Amino acid sequence: MNSGGFGLGLGFGLTPTAVIQVTNLSSAVTSEQMRTLFSFLGEIEELRLYPPDNAPLAFSSKVCYVKFRDPSSVGVAQHLTNTVFIDRALIVVPCAEDD
């Protein structure tokens, strides 16, 4: 059966991903807070928070991308979905590494 590549861009199927996207973040969250939270789940290779901590404008929410050294950390990180962090419930999903 050919799946036609369904789900590969989300980190499922044949190509495991080591990257997660975390959305519904409070505008008050910092990259250091995100690094601290996700470092308990595995070694972090790269972390990017948008907009960055030093952004001159105010935003109502932020998004964070975390790349782990070990792709198995992605499955563990997904268990943090719906965990309230600061004032909002996190949404954690696998993300394609080349995006």
Protein backbone atom coordinates (compact mmCIF):
# COMPACT_ATOMS: atom_id res chain seq x y z
CA MET A 1 0.00 0.00 0.00
CA ASN A 2 1.42 3.38 -1.00
CA SER A 3 0.68 6.20 1.42
CA GLY A 4 1.72 8.83 -1.11
CA GLY A 5 3.96 10.52 1.45
CA PHE A 6 1.07 11.40 3.74
CA GLY A 7 2.36 12.70 7.04
CA LEU A 8 6.04 12.79 6.12
CA GLY A 9 6.14 16.56 6.44
CA LEU A 10 4.85 16.29 9.99
CA GLY A 11 7.59 13.97 11.13
CA PHE A 12 5.62 10.73 10.91
CA GLY A 13 6.18 7.70 8.78
CA LEU A 14 9.52 6.90 7.18
CA THR A 15 11.43 10.04 8.12
CA PRO A 16 11.67 10.63 11.87
CA THR A 17 12.11 14.22 12.93
CA ALA A 18 13.99 15.70 15.87
CA VAL A 19 12.08 19.01 15.71
CA ILE A 20 8.93 20.11 17.53
CA GLN A 21 6.81 23.21 17.11
CA VAL A 22 5.34 24.66 20.28
CA THR A 23 2.42 27.04 19.81
CA ASN A 24 -0.08 28.90 21.96
CA LEU A 25 2.78 30.37 23.99
CA SER A 26 2.29 33.33 26.27
CA SER A 27 3.73 36.60 24.99
CA ALA A 28 5.67 36.77 28.28
CA VAL A 29 7.64 33.54 27.68
CA THR A 30 11.41 33.76 27.09
CA SER A 31 13.73 31.48 25.17
CA GLU A 32 15.52 30.64 28.44
CA GLN A 33 12.24 29.43 29.98
CA MET A 34 11.57 27.26 26.93
CA ARG A 35 15.11 25.87 26.99
CA THR A 36 14.74 25.01 30.68
CA LEU A 37 11.36 23.30 30.17
CA PHE A 38 12.39 21.13 27.20
CA SER A 39 15.93 20.36 28.39
CA PHE A 40 14.39 17.91 30.87
CA LEU A 41 13.16 15.82 27.91
CA GLY A 42 16.42 15.51 26.00
CA GLU A 43 19.52 17.33 24.85
CA ILE A 44 18.60 20.40 22.80
CA GLU A 45 20.59 21.02 19.64
CA GLU A 46 18.83 24.25 18.68
CA LEU A 47 15.97 26.39 19.98
CA ARG A 48 14.32 29.33 18.24
CA LEU A 49 11.59 31.52 19.66
CA TYR A 50 9.55 33.81 17.40
CA PRO A 51 9.32 36.69 17.85
CA PRO A 52 12.66 36.73 19.69
CA ASP A 53 13.10 37.98 23.25
CA ASN A 54 14.44 41.34 22.07
CA ALA A 55 11.61 42.12 19.60
CA PRO A 56 10.70 45.83 19.75
CA LEU A 57 6.96 45.23 19.23
CA ALA A 58 4.46 43.50 21.50
CA PHE A 59 2.80 40.30 20.28
CA SER A 60 -0.17 38.41 21.67
CA SER A 61 1.51 35.00 21.37
CA LYS A 62 4.76 33.33 20.39
CA VAL A 63 5.90 30.12 18.69
CA CYS A 64 8.98 28.05 19.49
CA TYR A 65 10.92 25.45 17.52
CA VAL A 66 13.07 22.96 19.41
CA LYS A 67 15.51 20.59 17.72
CA PHE A 68 16.61 17.68 19.90
CA ARG A 69 19.76 15.61 19.37
CA ASP A 70 17.69 12.42 19.66
CA PRO A 71 14.45 12.12 17.64
CA SER A 72 12.91 9.96 20.40
CA SER A 73 12.61 13.13 22.52
CA VAL A 74 9.92 14.37 20.12
CA GLY A 75 7.45 11.70 21.24
CA VAL A 76 8.09 12.51 24.88
CA ALA A 77 7.72 16.26 24.25
CA GLN A 78 4.30 15.74 22.66
CA HIS A 79 3.03 14.63 26.07
CA LEU A 80 3.34 18.27 27.19
CA THR A 81 0.42 19.21 24.93
CA ASN A 82 -2.34 20.85 27.02
CA THR A 83 0.09 21.53 29.88
CA VAL A 84 -0.51 25.07 31.13
CA PHE A 85 2.74 27.06 30.98
CA ILE A 86 2.58 30.60 32.38
CA ASP A 87 -1.03 31.32 31.33
CA ARG A 88 -1.75 29.12 28.28
CA ALA A 89 -2.03 25.45 27.36
CA LEU A 90 0.91 24.39 25.18
CA ILE A 91 0.40 22.73 21.81
CA VAL A 92 3.38 20.53 20.85
CA VAL A 93 3.57 18.89 17.41
CA PRO A 94 6.37 17.25 15.38
CA CYS A 95 7.72 19.47 12.63
CA ALA A 96 9.69 18.73 9.46
CA GLU A 97 13.35 19.63 9.92
CA ASP A 98 13.76 21.41 6.60
CA ASP A 99 10.97 23.95 7.23
